[in-house]
PDB file of N, CA and C in Angstrom:
ATOM      1  N   MET A   1       0.834  -1.169   0.000  1.00  0.00           N
ATOM      2  CA  MET A   1       0.000   0.000   0.000  1.00  0.00           C
ATOM      3  C   MET A   1       0.893   1.251   0.000  1.00  0.00           C
ATOM      4  N   ILE A   2       0.563   2.187  -0.862  1.00  0.00           N
ATOM      5  CA  ILE A   2       1.276   3.466  -0.890  1.00  0.00           C
ATOM      6  C   ILE A   2       0.607   4.372   0.130  1.00  0.00           C
ATOM      7  N   LYS A   3       1.415   4.944   1.040  1.00  0.00           N
ATOM      8  CA  LYS A   3       0.855   5.693   2.159  1.00  0.00           C
ATOM      9  C   LYS A   3       0.975   7.205   2.039  1.00  0.00           C
ATOM     10  N   ASN A   4       1.895   7.681   1.185  1.00  0.00           N
ATOM     11  CA  ASN A   4       2.072   9.130   1.105  1.00  0.00           C
ATOM     12  C   ASN A   4       2.601   9.518  -0.276  1.00  0.00           C
ATOM     13  N   GLU A   5       2.695  10.796  -0.488  1.00  0.00           N
ATOM     14  CA  GLU A   5       3.116  11.350  -1.778  1.00  0.00           C
ATOM     15  C   GLU A   5       4.553  10.971  -2.131  1.00  0.00           C
ATOM     16  N   LYS A   6       5.409  10.886  -1.114  1.00  0.00           N
ATOM     17  CA  LYS A   6       6.800  10.516  -1.362  1.00  0.00           C
ATOM     18  C   LYS A   6       6.882   9.086  -1.912  1.00  0.00           C
ATOM     19  N   GLN A   7       6.147   8.181  -1.323  1.00  0.00           N
ATOM     20  CA  GLN A   7       6.106   6.798  -1.815  1.00  0.00           C
ATOM     21  C   GLN A   7       5.477   6.739  -3.205  1.00  0.00           C
ATOM     22  N   TYR A   8       4.438   7.535  -3.406  1.00  0.00           N
ATOM     23  CA  TYR A   8       3.769   7.591  -4.710  1.00  0.00           C
ATOM     24  C   TYR A   8       4.745   8.058  -5.802  1.00  0.00           C
ATOM     25  N   ASP A   9       5.477   9.136  -5.517  1.00  0.00           N
ATOM     26  CA  ASP A   9       6.453   9.658  -6.489  1.00  0.00           C
ATOM     27  C   ASP A   9       7.534   8.621  -6.796  1.00  0.00           C
ATOM     28  N   ALA A  10       8.005   7.927  -5.766  1.00  0.00           N
ATOM     29  CA  ALA A  10       9.037   6.904  -5.965  1.00  0.00           C
ATOM     30  C   ALA A  10       8.489   5.763  -6.824  1.00  0.00           C
ATOM     31  N   ALA A  11       7.267   5.360  -6.576  1.00  0.00           N
ATOM     32  CA  ALA A  11       6.655   4.280  -7.350  1.00  0.00           C
ATOM     33  C   ALA A  11       6.479   4.707  -8.809  1.00  0.00           C
ATOM     34  N   CYS A  12       6.079   5.934  -9.032  1.00  0.00           N
ATOM     35  CA  CYS A  12       5.911   6.434 -10.410  1.00  0.00           C
ATOM     36  C   CYS A  12       7.246   6.476 -11.141  1.00  0.00           C
ATOM     37  N   ARG A  13       8.287   6.907 -10.465  1.00  0.00           N
ATOM     38  CA  ARG A  13       9.616   6.929 -11.092  1.00  0.00           C
ATOM     39  C   ARG A  13      10.068   5.512 -11.441  1.00  0.00           C
ATOM     40  N   ARG A  14       9.826   4.578 -10.539  1.00  0.00           N
ATOM     41  CA  ARG A  14      10.224   3.188 -10.798  1.00  0.00           C
ATOM     42  C   ARG A  14       9.422   2.604 -11.967  1.00  0.00           C
ATOM     43  N   ILE A  15       8.145   2.948 -12.052  1.00  0.00           N
ATOM     44  CA  ILE A  15       7.321   2.494 -13.179  1.00  0.00           C
ATOM     45  C   ILE A  15       7.895   3.017 -14.487  1.00  0.00           C
ATOM     46  N   GLU A  16       8.296   4.281 -14.507  1.00  0.00           N
ATOM     47  CA  GLU A  16       8.892   4.853 -15.717  1.00  0.00           C
ATOM     48  C   GLU A  16      10.158   4.087 -16.113  1.00  0.00           C
ATOM     49  N   ASP A  17      10.972   3.735 -15.135  1.00  0.00           N
ATOM     50  CA  ASP A  17      12.179   2.958 -15.427  1.00  0.00           C
ATOM     51  C   ASP A  17      11.825   1.568 -15.968  1.00  0.00           C
ATOM     52  N   LEU A  18      10.850   0.937 -15.356  1.00  0.00           N
ATOM     53  CA  LEU A  18      10.462  -0.412 -15.779  1.00  0.00           C
ATOM     54  C   LEU A  18       9.852  -0.417 -17.180  1.00  0.00           C
ATOM     55  N   LEU A  19       9.149   0.649 -17.522  1.00  0.00           N
ATOM     56  CA  LEU A  19       8.536   0.720 -18.851  1.00  0.00           C
ATOM     57  C   LEU A  19       9.589   0.745 -19.964  1.00  0.00           C
ATOM     58  N   LYS A  20      10.808   1.120 -19.614  1.00  0.00           N
ATOM     59  CA  LYS A  20      11.896   1.132 -20.602  1.00  0.00           C
ATOM     60  C   LYS A  20      12.409  -0.273 -20.898  1.00  0.00           C
ATOM     61  N   VAL A  21      12.187  -1.208 -19.970  1.00  0.00           N
ATOM     62  CA  VAL A  21      12.705  -2.563 -20.157  1.00  0.00           C
ATOM     63  C   VAL A  21      11.623  -3.627 -20.328  1.00  0.00           C
ATOM     64  N   VAL A  22      10.385  -3.276 -20.033  1.00  0.00           N
ATOM     65  CA  VAL A  22       9.273  -4.219 -20.170  1.00  0.00           C
ATOM     66  C   VAL A  22       8.455  -3.830 -21.391  1.00  0.00           C
ATOM     67  N   GLY A  23       8.230  -4.793 -22.257  1.00  0.00           N
ATOM     68  CA  GLY A  23       7.440  -4.544 -23.461  1.00  0.00           C
ATOM     69  C   GLY A  23       6.414  -5.643 -23.654  1.00  0.00           C
ATOM     70  N   ASN A  24       5.722  -5.590 -24.777  1.00  0.00           N
ATOM     71  CA  ASN A  24       4.700  -6.586 -25.086  1.00  0.00           C
ATOM     72  C   ASN A  24       5.272  -7.996 -25.175  1.00  0.00           C
ATOM     73  N   GLU A  25       6.533  -8.097 -25.524  1.00  0.00           N
ATOM     74  CA  GLU A  25       7.163  -9.403 -25.680  1.00  0.00           C
ATOM     75  C   GLU A  25       7.712  -9.959 -24.373  1.00  0.00           C
ATOM     76  N   THR A  26       7.688  -9.159 -23.308  1.00  0.00           N
ATOM     77  CA  THR A  26       8.219  -9.600 -22.019  1.00  0.00           C
ATOM     78  C   THR A  26       7.306 -10.675 -21.425  1.00  0.00           C
ATOM     79  N   PRO A  27       7.881 -11.822 -21.042  1.00  0.00           N
ATOM     80  CA  PRO A  27       7.051 -12.883 -20.454  1.00  0.00           C
ATOM     81  C   PRO A  27       6.472 -12.452 -19.108  1.00  0.00           C
ATOM     82  N   SER A  28       5.282 -12.946 -18.812  1.00  0.00           N
ATOM     83  CA  SER A  28       4.592 -12.548 -17.580  1.00  0.00           C
ATOM     84  C   SER A  28       5.282 -13.064 -16.319  1.00  0.00           C
ATOM     85  N   ASN A  29       6.212 -13.978 -16.443  1.00  0.00           N
ATOM     86  CA  ASN A  29       6.939 -14.456 -15.256  1.00  0.00           C
ATOM     87  C   ASN A  29       8.278 -13.736 -15.068  1.00  0.00           C
ATOM     88  N   ASP A  30       8.576 -12.757 -15.917  1.00  0.00           N
ATOM     89  CA  ASP A  30       9.789 -11.945 -15.795  1.00  0.00           C
ATOM     90  C   ASP A  30       9.676 -11.063 -14.548  1.00  0.00           C
ATOM     91  N   VAL A  31      10.762 -10.981 -13.787  1.00  0.00           N
ATOM     92  CA  VAL A  31      10.755 -10.226 -12.530  1.00  0.00           C
ATOM     93  C   VAL A  31      10.388  -8.748 -12.761  1.00  0.00           C
ATOM     94  N   ASN A  32      10.854  -8.144 -13.843  1.00  0.00           N
ATOM     95  CA  ASN A  32      10.519  -6.742 -14.136  1.00  0.00           C
ATOM     96  C   ASN A  32       9.038  -6.588 -14.480  1.00  0.00           C
ATOM     97  N   PHE A  33       8.500  -7.550 -15.213  1.00  0.00           N
ATOM     98  CA  PHE A  33       7.076  -7.527 -15.552  1.00  0.00           C
ATOM     99  C   PHE A  33       6.237  -7.618 -14.278  1.00  0.00           C
ATOM    100  N   ILE A  34       6.605  -8.526 -13.390  1.00  0.00           N
ATOM    101  CA  ILE A  34       5.866  -8.704 -12.138  1.00  0.00           C
ATOM    102  C   ILE A  34       5.925  -7.439 -11.289  1.00  0.00           C
ATOM    103  N   GLU A  35       7.124  -6.857 -11.188  1.00  0.00           N
ATOM    104  CA  GLU A  35       7.270  -5.623 -10.405  1.00  0.00           C
ATOM    105  C   GLU A  35       6.431  -4.500 -10.999  1.00  0.00           C
ATOM    106  N   LEU A  36       6.465  -4.368 -12.312  1.00  0.00           N
ATOM    107  CA  LEU A  36       5.672  -3.335 -12.986  1.00  0.00           C
ATOM    108  C   LEU A  36       4.184  -3.541 -12.734  1.00  0.00           C
ATOM    109  N   ASP A  37       3.738  -4.763 -12.833  1.00  0.00           N
ATOM    110  CA  ASP A  37       2.330  -5.084 -12.609  1.00  0.00           C
ATOM    111  C   ASP A  37       1.902  -4.721 -11.183  1.00  0.00           C
ATOM    112  N   LEU A  38       2.712  -5.101 -10.202  1.00  0.00           N
ATOM    113  CA  LEU A  38       2.395  -4.811  -8.800  1.00  0.00           C
ATOM    114  C   LEU A  38       2.401  -3.307  -8.515  1.00  0.00           C
ATOM    115  N   LEU A  39       3.447  -2.628  -8.973  1.00  0.00           N
ATOM    116  CA  LEU A  39       3.538  -1.181  -8.745  1.00  0.00           C
ATOM    117  C   LEU A  39       2.394  -0.433  -9.422  1.00  0.00           C
ATOM    118  N   SER A  40       2.036  -0.867 -10.626  1.00  0.00           N
ATOM    119  CA  SER A  40       0.934  -0.220 -11.348  1.00  0.00           C
ATOM    120  C   SER A  40      -0.370  -0.331 -10.569  1.00  0.00           C
ATOM    121  N   ASP A  41      -0.616  -1.510  -9.991  1.00  0.00           N
ATOM    122  CA  ASP A  41      -1.828  -1.691  -9.187  1.00  0.00           C
ATOM    123  C   ASP A  41      -1.805  -0.807  -7.944  1.00  0.00           C
ATOM    124  N   LEU A  42      -0.653  -0.736  -7.290  1.00  0.00           N
ATOM    125  CA  LEU A  42      -0.533   0.102  -6.089  1.00  0.00           C
ATOM    126  C   LEU A  42      -0.751   1.580  -6.410  1.00  0.00           C
ATOM    127  N   VAL A  43      -0.154   2.042  -7.510  1.00  0.00           N
ATOM    128  CA  VAL A  43      -0.324   3.440  -7.922  1.00  0.00           C
ATOM    129  C   VAL A  43      -1.782   3.721  -8.279  1.00  0.00           C
ATOM    130  N   ALA A  44      -2.413   2.803  -8.992  1.00  0.00           N
ATOM    131  CA  ALA A  44      -3.823   2.983  -9.378  1.00  0.00           C
ATOM    132  C   ALA A  44      -4.707   3.072  -8.137  1.00  0.00           C
ATOM    133  N   ASP A  45      -4.464   2.214  -7.159  1.00  0.00           N
ATOM    134  CA  ASP A  45      -5.254   2.248  -5.922  1.00  0.00           C
ATOM    135  C   ASP A  45      -5.068   3.573  -5.189  1.00  0.00           C
ATOM    136  N   TYR A  46      -3.840   4.051  -5.114  1.00  0.00           N
ATOM    137  CA  TYR A  46      -3.543   5.323  -4.442  1.00  0.00           C
ATOM    138  C   TYR A  46      -4.228   6.480  -5.163  1.00  0.00           C
ATOM    139  N   GLU A  47      -4.155   6.473  -6.492  1.00  0.00           N
ATOM    140  CA  GLU A  47      -4.746   7.561  -7.282  1.00  0.00           C
ATOM    141  C   GLU A  47      -6.266   7.589  -7.163  1.00  0.00           C
ATOM    142  N   GLU A  48      -6.891   6.430  -7.048  1.00  0.00           N
ATOM    143  CA  GLU A  48      -8.348   6.393  -6.887  1.00  0.00           C
ATOM    144  C   GLU A  48      -8.784   7.111  -5.620  1.00  0.00           C
ATOM    145  N   VAL A  49      -7.979   6.972  -4.567  1.00  0.00           N
ATOM    146  CA  VAL A  49      -8.305   7.614  -3.288  1.00  0.00           C
ATOM    147  C   VAL A  49      -7.866   9.075  -3.275  1.00  0.00           C
ATOM    148  N   LYS A  50      -6.637   9.321  -3.697  1.00  0.00           N
ATOM    149  CA  LYS A  50      -6.045  10.655  -3.591  1.00  0.00           C
ATOM    150  C   LYS A  50      -6.493  11.606  -4.702  1.00  0.00           C
ATOM    151  N   TYR A  51      -6.700  11.091  -5.902  1.00  0.00           N
ATOM    152  CA  TYR A  51      -7.049  11.914  -7.059  1.00  0.00           C
ATOM    153  C   TYR A  51      -8.280  11.349  -7.776  1.00  0.00           C
ATOM    154  N   PRO A  52      -9.415  11.322  -7.096  1.00  0.00           N
ATOM    155  CA  PRO A  52     -10.596  10.724  -7.731  1.00  0.00           C
ATOM    156  C   PRO A  52     -11.035  11.520  -8.961  1.00  0.00           C
ATOM    157  N   VAL A  53     -11.531  10.794  -9.941  1.00  0.00           N
ATOM    158  CA  VAL A  53     -12.032  11.429 -11.152  1.00  0.00           C
ATOM    159  C   VAL A  53     -13.479  11.834 -10.897  1.00  0.00           C
ATOM    160  N   LYS A  54     -13.767  13.094 -11.072  1.00  0.00           N
ATOM    161  CA  LYS A  54     -15.114  13.599 -10.829  1.00  0.00           C
ATOM    162  C   LYS A  54     -16.008  13.303 -12.023  1.00  0.00           C
ATOM    163  N   GLU A  55     -17.291  13.193 -11.731  1.00  0.00           N
ATOM    164  CA  GLU A  55     -18.267  13.001 -12.798  1.00  0.00           C
ATOM    165  C   GLU A  55     -18.268  14.240 -13.690  1.00  0.00           C
ATOM    166  N   PRO A  56     -18.413  14.038 -14.985  1.00  0.00           N
ATOM    167  CA  PRO A  56     -18.420  15.198 -15.888  1.00  0.00           C
ATOM    168  C   PRO A  56     -19.665  16.056 -15.698  1.00  0.00           C
ATOM    169  N   ILE A  57     -19.510  17.341 -15.913  1.00  0.00           N
ATOM    170  CA  ILE A  57     -20.624  18.283 -15.839  1.00  0.00           C
ATOM    171  C   ILE A  57     -21.236  18.369 -17.231  1.00  0.00           C
ATOM    172  N   LEU A  58     -22.571  18.298 -17.286  1.00  0.00           N
ATOM    173  CA  LEU A  58     -23.267  18.261 -18.564  1.00  0.00           C
ATOM    174  C   LEU A  58     -22.846  19.412 -19.474  1.00  0.00           C
ATOM    175  N   SER A  59     -22.767  20.612 -18.948  1.00  0.00           N
ATOM    176  CA  SER A  59     -22.424  21.760 -19.793  1.00  0.00           C
ATOM    177  C   SER A  59     -21.047  21.580 -20.426  1.00  0.00           C
ATOM    178  N   ASP A  60     -20.095  21.036 -19.679  1.00  0.00           N
ATOM    179  CA  ASP A  60     -18.753  20.808 -20.223  1.00  0.00           C
ATOM    180  C   ASP A  60     -18.770  19.732 -21.307  1.00  0.00           C
ATOM    181  N   VAL A  61     -19.563  18.691 -21.099  1.00  0.00           N
ATOM    182  CA  VAL A  61     -19.653  17.616 -22.079  1.00  0.00           C
ATOM    183  C   VAL A  61     -20.305  18.133 -23.363  1.00  0.00           C
ATOM    184  N   ILE A  62     -21.340  18.946 -23.229  1.00  0.00           N
ATOM    185  CA  ILE A  62     -21.999  19.520 -24.418  1.00  0.00           C
ATOM    186  C   ILE A  62     -21.022  20.414 -25.170  1.00  0.00           C
ATOM    187  N   LYS A  63     -20.282  21.245 -24.456  1.00  0.00           N
ATOM    188  CA  LYS A  63     -19.309  22.130 -25.108  1.00  0.00           C
ATOM    189  C   LYS A  63     -18.251  21.329 -25.859  1.00  0.00           C
ATOM    190  N   LEU A  64     -17.780  20.267 -25.230  1.00  0.00           N
ATOM    191  CA  LEU A  64     -16.791  19.413 -25.889  1.00  0.00           C
ATOM    192  C   LEU A  64     -17.377  18.794 -27.153  1.00  0.00           C
ATOM    193  N   ARG A  65     -18.596  18.275 -27.052  1.00  0.00           N
ATOM    194  CA  ARG A  65     -19.227  17.650 -28.216  1.00  0.00           C
ATOM    195  C   ARG A  65     -19.475  18.682 -29.320  1.00  0.00           C
ATOM    196  N   MET A  66     -19.857  19.903 -28.952  1.00  0.00           N
ATOM    197  CA  MET A  66     -20.040  20.966 -29.949  1.00  0.00           C
ATOM    198  C   MET A  66     -18.719  21.214 -30.680  1.00  0.00           C
ATOM    199  N   PHE A  67     -17.644  21.280 -29.938  1.00  0.00           N
ATOM    200  CA  PHE A  67     -16.321  21.488 -30.543  1.00  0.00           C
ATOM    201  C   PHE A  67     -15.987  20.346 -31.489  1.00  0.00           C
ATOM    202  N   GLU A  68     -16.201  19.110 -31.020  1.00  0.00           N
ATOM    203  CA  GLU A  68     -15.893  17.941 -31.841  1.00  0.00           C
ATOM    204  C   GLU A  68     -16.723  17.902 -33.126  1.00  0.00           C
ATOM    205  N   MET A  69     -17.978  18.356 -33.032  1.00  0.00           N
ATOM    206  CA  MET A  69     -18.870  18.331 -34.187  1.00  0.00           C
ATOM    207  C   MET A  69     -18.723  19.581 -35.058  1.00  0.00           C
ATOM    208  N   GLY A  70     -18.009  20.584 -34.548  1.00  0.00           N
ATOM    209  CA  GLY A  70     -17.819  21.827 -35.289  1.00  0.00           C
ATOM    210  C   GLY A  70     -19.091  22.638 -35.413  1.00  0.00           C
ATOM    211  N   ILE A  71     -19.897  22.647 -34.339  1.00  0.00           N
ATOM    212  CA  ILE A  71     -21.145  23.414 -34.383  1.00  0.00           C
ATOM    213  C   ILE A  71     -21.129  24.483 -33.294  1.00  0.00           C
ATOM    214  N   ASN A  72     -21.920  25.534 -33.529  1.00  0.00           N
ATOM    215  CA  ASN A  72     -22.045  26.609 -32.553  1.00  0.00           C
ATOM    216  C   ASN A  72     -23.390  26.487 -31.838  1.00  0.00           C
ATOM    217  N   GLN A  73     -23.683  27.445 -30.966  1.00  0.00           N
ATOM    218  CA  GLN A  73     -24.920  27.392 -30.187  1.00  0.00           C
ATOM    219  C   GLN A  73     -26.159  27.456 -31.079  1.00  0.00           C
ATOM    220  N   ASN A  74     -26.094  28.234 -32.137  1.00  0.00           N
ATOM    221  CA  ASN A  74     -27.256  28.332 -33.033  1.00  0.00           C
ATOM    222  C   ASN A  74     -27.528  27.003 -33.742  1.00  0.00           C
ATOM    223  N   LYS A  75     -26.478  26.356 -34.217  1.00  0.00           N
ATOM    224  CA  LYS A  75     -26.662  25.056 -34.876  1.00  0.00           C
ATOM    225  C   LYS A  75     -27.146  24.009 -33.879  1.00  0.00           C
ATOM    226  N   LEU A  76     -26.641  24.078 -32.650  1.00  0.00           N
ATOM    227  CA  LEU A  76     -27.097  23.156 -31.613  1.00  0.00           C
ATOM    228  C   LEU A  76     -28.569  23.405 -31.308  1.00  0.00           C
ATOM    229  N   SER A  77     -28.949  24.658 -31.285  1.00  0.00           N
ATOM    230  CA  SER A  77     -30.343  25.031 -31.066  1.00  0.00           C
ATOM    231  C   SER A  77     -31.243  24.397 -32.129  1.00  0.00           C
ATOM    232  N   ASP A  78     -30.841  24.501 -33.385  1.00  0.00           N
ATOM    233  CA  ASP A  78     -31.601  23.891 -34.484  1.00  0.00           C
ATOM    234  C   ASP A  78     -31.650  22.371 -34.346  1.00  0.00           C
ATOM    235  N   LEU A  79     -30.526  21.785 -34.011  1.00  0.00           N
ATOM    236  CA  LEU A  79     -30.422  20.327 -33.895  1.00  0.00           C
ATOM    237  C   LEU A  79     -31.337  19.782 -32.803  1.00  0.00           C
ATOM    238  N   LEU A  80     -31.403  20.496 -31.682  1.00  0.00           N
ATOM    239  CA  LEU A  80     -32.191  20.016 -30.545  1.00  0.00           C
ATOM    240  C   LEU A  80     -33.621  20.544 -30.529  1.00  0.00           C
ATOM    241  N   GLY A  81     -33.902  21.540 -31.374  1.00  0.00           N
ATOM    242  CA  GLY A  81     -35.256  22.093 -31.432  1.00  0.00           C
ATOM    243  C   GLY A  81     -35.616  22.951 -30.234  1.00  0.00           C
ATOM    244  N   VAL A  82     -34.638  23.659 -29.700  1.00  0.00           N
ATOM    245  CA  VAL A  82     -34.890  24.603 -28.603  1.00  0.00           C
ATOM    246  C   VAL A  82     -34.272  25.951 -28.963  1.00  0.00           C
ATOM    247  N   SER A  83     -34.673  26.974 -28.254  1.00  0.00           N
ATOM    248  CA  SER A  83     -34.193  28.318 -28.575  1.00  0.00           C
ATOM    249  C   SER A  83     -32.711  28.480 -28.233  1.00  0.00           C
ATOM    250  N   PRO A  84     -32.032  29.401 -28.929  1.00  0.00           N
ATOM    251  CA  PRO A  84     -30.619  29.680 -28.599  1.00  0.00           C
ATOM    252  C   PRO A  84     -30.436  30.138 -27.158  1.00  0.00           C
ATOM    253  N   SER A  85     -31.413  30.883 -26.625  1.00  0.00           N
ATOM    254  CA  SER A  85     -31.289  31.337 -25.238  1.00  0.00           C
ATOM    255  C   SER A  85     -31.360  30.157 -24.269  1.00  0.00           C
ATOM    256  N   ARG A  86     -32.160  29.138 -24.613  1.00  0.00           N
ATOM    257  CA  ARG A  86     -32.248  27.945 -23.765  1.00  0.00           C
ATOM    258  C   ARG A  86     -30.906  27.186 -23.809  1.00  0.00           C
ATOM    259  N   ILE A  87     -30.301  27.114 -24.985  1.00  0.00           N
ATOM    260  CA  ILE A  87     -28.984  26.476 -25.105  1.00  0.00           C
ATOM    261  C   ILE A  87     -27.978  27.210 -24.224  1.00  0.00           C
ATOM    262  N   SER A  88     -28.033  28.527 -24.263  1.00  0.00           N
ATOM    263  CA  SER A  88     -27.137  29.334 -23.440  1.00  0.00           C
ATOM    264  C   SER A  88     -27.330  29.014 -21.957  1.00  0.00           C
ATOM    265  N   GLU A  89     -28.573  28.825 -21.542  1.00  0.00           N
ATOM    266  CA  GLU A  89     -28.854  28.491 -20.138  1.00  0.00           C
ATOM    267  C   GLU A  89     -28.292  27.121 -19.775  1.00  0.00           C
ATOM    268  N   TYR A  90     -28.405  26.149 -20.700  1.00  0.00           N
ATOM    269  CA  TYR A  90     -27.838  24.821 -20.445  1.00  0.00           C
ATOM    270  C   TYR A  90     -26.322  24.908 -20.307  1.00  0.00           C
ATOM    271  N   LEU A  91     -25.702  25.670 -21.191  1.00  0.00           N
ATOM    272  CA  LEU A  91     -24.239  25.761 -21.205  1.00  0.00           C
ATOM    273  C   LEU A  91     -23.685  26.531 -20.009  1.00  0.00           C
ATOM    274  N   SER A  92     -24.469  27.445 -19.469  1.00  0.00           N
ATOM    275  CA  SER A  92     -24.017  28.205 -18.303  1.00  0.00           C
ATOM    276  C   SER A  92     -24.385  27.511 -16.994  1.00  0.00           C
ATOM    277  N   GLY A  93     -25.197  26.455 -17.083  1.00  0.00           N
ATOM    278  CA  GLY A  93     -25.618  25.741 -15.883  1.00  0.00           C
ATOM    279  C   GLY A  93     -26.787  26.390 -15.177  1.00  0.00           C
ATOM    280  N   LYS A  94     -27.391  27.407 -15.791  1.00  0.00           N
ATOM    281  CA  LYS A  94     -28.526  28.098 -15.172  1.00  0.00           C
ATOM    282  C   LYS A  94     -29.815  27.296 -15.266  1.00  0.00           C
ATOM    283  N   SER A  95     -29.860  26.352 -16.210  1.00  0.00           N
ATOM    284  CA  SER A  95     -31.080  25.587 -16.436  1.00  0.00           C
ATOM    285  C   SER A  95     -30.716  24.158 -16.811  1.00  0.00           C
ATOM    286  N   GLU A  96     -31.592  23.233 -16.425  1.00  0.00           N
ATOM    287  CA  GLU A  96     -31.427  21.826 -16.790  1.00  0.00           C
ATOM    288  C   GLU A  96     -32.413  21.510 -17.914  1.00  0.00           C
ATOM    289  N   PRO A  97     -32.022  20.639 -18.842  1.00  0.00           N
ATOM    290  CA  PRO A  97     -32.938  20.297 -19.926  1.00  0.00           C
ATOM    291  C   PRO A  97     -34.127  19.476 -19.437  1.00  0.00           C
ATOM    292  N   THR A  98     -35.246  19.619 -20.139  1.00  0.00           N
ATOM    293  CA  THR A  98     -36.403  18.777 -19.857  1.00  0.00           C
ATOM    294  C   THR A  98     -36.043  17.346 -20.248  1.00  0.00           C
ATOM    295  N   LEU A  99     -36.885  16.399 -19.864  1.00  0.00           N
ATOM    296  CA  LEU A  99     -36.616  15.009 -20.194  1.00  0.00           C
ATOM    297  C   LEU A  99     -36.543  14.794 -21.699  1.00  0.00           C
ATOM    298  N   GLN A 100     -37.447  15.434 -22.441  1.00  0.00           N
ATOM    299  CA  GLN A 100     -37.443  15.291 -23.897  1.00  0.00           C
ATOM    300  C   GLN A 100     -36.155  15.871 -24.509  1.00  0.00           C
ATOM    301  N   VAL A 101     -35.756  17.031 -24.049  1.00  0.00           N
ATOM    302  CA  VAL A 101     -34.520  17.640 -24.555  1.00  0.00           C
ATOM    303  C   VAL A 101     -33.313  16.797 -24.129  1.00  0.00           C
ATOM    304  N   ALA A 102     -33.357  16.253 -22.918  1.00  0.00           N
ATOM    305  CA  ALA A 102     -32.265  15.390 -22.447  1.00  0.00           C
ATOM    306  C   ALA A 102     -32.131  14.171 -23.359  1.00  0.00           C
ATOM    307  N   ARG A 103     -33.252  13.599 -23.755  1.00  0.00           N
ATOM    308  CA  ARG A 103     -33.203  12.462 -24.688  1.00  0.00           C
ATOM    309  C   ARG A 103     -32.560  12.876 -26.006  1.00  0.00           C
ATOM    310  N   ASN A 104     -32.950  14.047 -26.512  1.00  0.00           N
ATOM    311  CA  ASN A 104     -32.380  14.540 -27.768  1.00  0.00           C
ATOM    312  C   ASN A 104     -30.882  14.792 -27.635  1.00  0.00           C
ATOM    313  N   ILE A 105     -30.477  15.362 -26.523  1.00  0.00           N
ATOM    314  CA  ILE A 105     -29.049  15.610 -26.284  1.00  0.00           C
ATOM    315  C   ILE A 105     -28.299  14.280 -26.307  1.00  0.00           C
ATOM    316  N   SER A 106     -28.833  13.302 -25.616  1.00  0.00           N
ATOM    317  CA  SER A 106     -28.186  12.001 -25.556  1.00  0.00           C
ATOM    318  C   SER A 106     -28.102  11.365 -26.935  1.00  0.00           C
ATOM    319  N   ARG A 107     -29.190  11.378 -27.670  1.00  0.00           N
ATOM    320  CA  ARG A 107     -29.230  10.723 -28.983  1.00  0.00           C
ATOM    321  C   ARG A 107     -28.472  11.491 -30.058  1.00  0.00           C
ATOM    322  N   LYS A 108     -28.741  12.769 -30.160  1.00  0.00           N
ATOM    323  CA  LYS A 108     -28.192  13.548 -31.272  1.00  0.00           C
ATOM    324  C   LYS A 108     -26.739  13.965 -31.068  1.00  0.00           C
ATOM    325  N   LEU A 109     -26.322  14.068 -29.806  1.00  0.00           N
ATOM    326  CA  LEU A 109     -24.928  14.422 -29.533  1.00  0.00           C
ATOM    327  C   LEU A 109     -24.115  13.208 -29.107  1.00  0.00           C
ATOM    328  N   ASN A 110     -24.785  12.061 -29.013  1.00  0.00           N
ATOM    329  CA  ASN A 110     -24.130  10.812 -28.626  1.00  0.00           C
ATOM    330  C   ASN A 110     -23.423  10.970 -27.267  1.00  0.00           C
ATOM    331  N   ILE A 111     -24.192  11.456 -26.288  1.00  0.00           N
ATOM    332  CA  ILE A 111     -23.702  11.614 -24.921  1.00  0.00           C
ATOM    333  C   ILE A 111     -24.443  10.612 -24.071  1.00  0.00           C
ATOM    334  N   ASN A 112     -23.732   9.892 -23.247  1.00  0.00           N
ATOM    335  CA  ASN A 112     -24.325   8.871 -22.393  1.00  0.00           C
ATOM    336  C   ASN A 112     -25.467   9.471 -21.579  1.00  0.00           C
ATOM    337  N   ALA A 113     -26.589   8.755 -21.541  1.00  0.00           N
ATOM    338  CA  ALA A 113     -27.772   9.239 -20.841  1.00  0.00           C
ATOM    339  C   ALA A 113     -27.502   9.504 -19.363  1.00  0.00           C
ATOM    340  N   SER A 114     -26.633   8.718 -18.731  1.00  0.00           N
ATOM    341  CA  SER A 114     -26.353   8.936 -17.312  1.00  0.00           C
ATOM    342  C   SER A 114     -25.673  10.277 -17.080  1.00  0.00           C
ATOM    343  N   VAL A 115     -24.895  10.746 -18.044  1.00  0.00           N
ATOM    344  CA  VAL A 115     -24.262  12.066 -17.925  1.00  0.00           C
ATOM    345  C   VAL A 115     -25.319  13.151 -18.117  1.00  0.00           C
ATOM    346  N   VAL A 116     -26.179  12.968 -19.105  1.00  0.00           N
ATOM    347  CA  VAL A 116     -27.215  13.959 -19.395  1.00  0.00           C
ATOM    348  C   VAL A 116     -28.181  14.090 -18.224  1.00  0.00           C
ATOM    349  N   LEU A 117     -28.550  12.962 -17.638  1.00  0.00           N
ATOM    350  CA  LEU A 117     -29.515  12.972 -16.545  1.00  0.00           C
ATOM    351  C   LEU A 117     -28.884  13.176 -15.179  1.00  0.00           C
ATOM    352  N   GLY A 118     -27.550  13.149 -15.129  1.00  0.00           N
ATOM    353  CA  GLY A 118     -26.852  13.397 -13.870  1.00  0.00           C
ATOM    354  C   GLY A 118     -27.000  12.277 -12.865  1.00  0.00           C
ATOM    355  N   VAL A 119     -27.100  11.048 -13.359  1.00  0.00           N
ATOM    356  CA  VAL A 119     -27.248   9.900 -12.432  1.00  0.00           C
ATOM    357  C   VAL A 119     -25.995   9.063 -12.404  1.00  0.00           C
TER     358      VAL A 119
END
């Protein structure tokens, strides 16, 4: 178990060193492979506690998807069938979409329903 940041940093440095000598062709019974596997698990466990990944915020996910699709708020408004001002409210976090709009966001922007519904 990694107990503090100093141990975490040392484990990360050792992982970097091991990655230079362990590759896809390295047998799973190789001492370096085993050490890398163990250290990786320990680091992952520490990071889950110390640096948890937060659930995405709907407005951030929509903005990212808009960027990926190359669309602006007006085009998103047309796509979802809501007013541009309503889109602005969703993006600023001032308003949550109705269930029908949430379904459209999930389907048309290909965003997981659990993110859209905040569950």
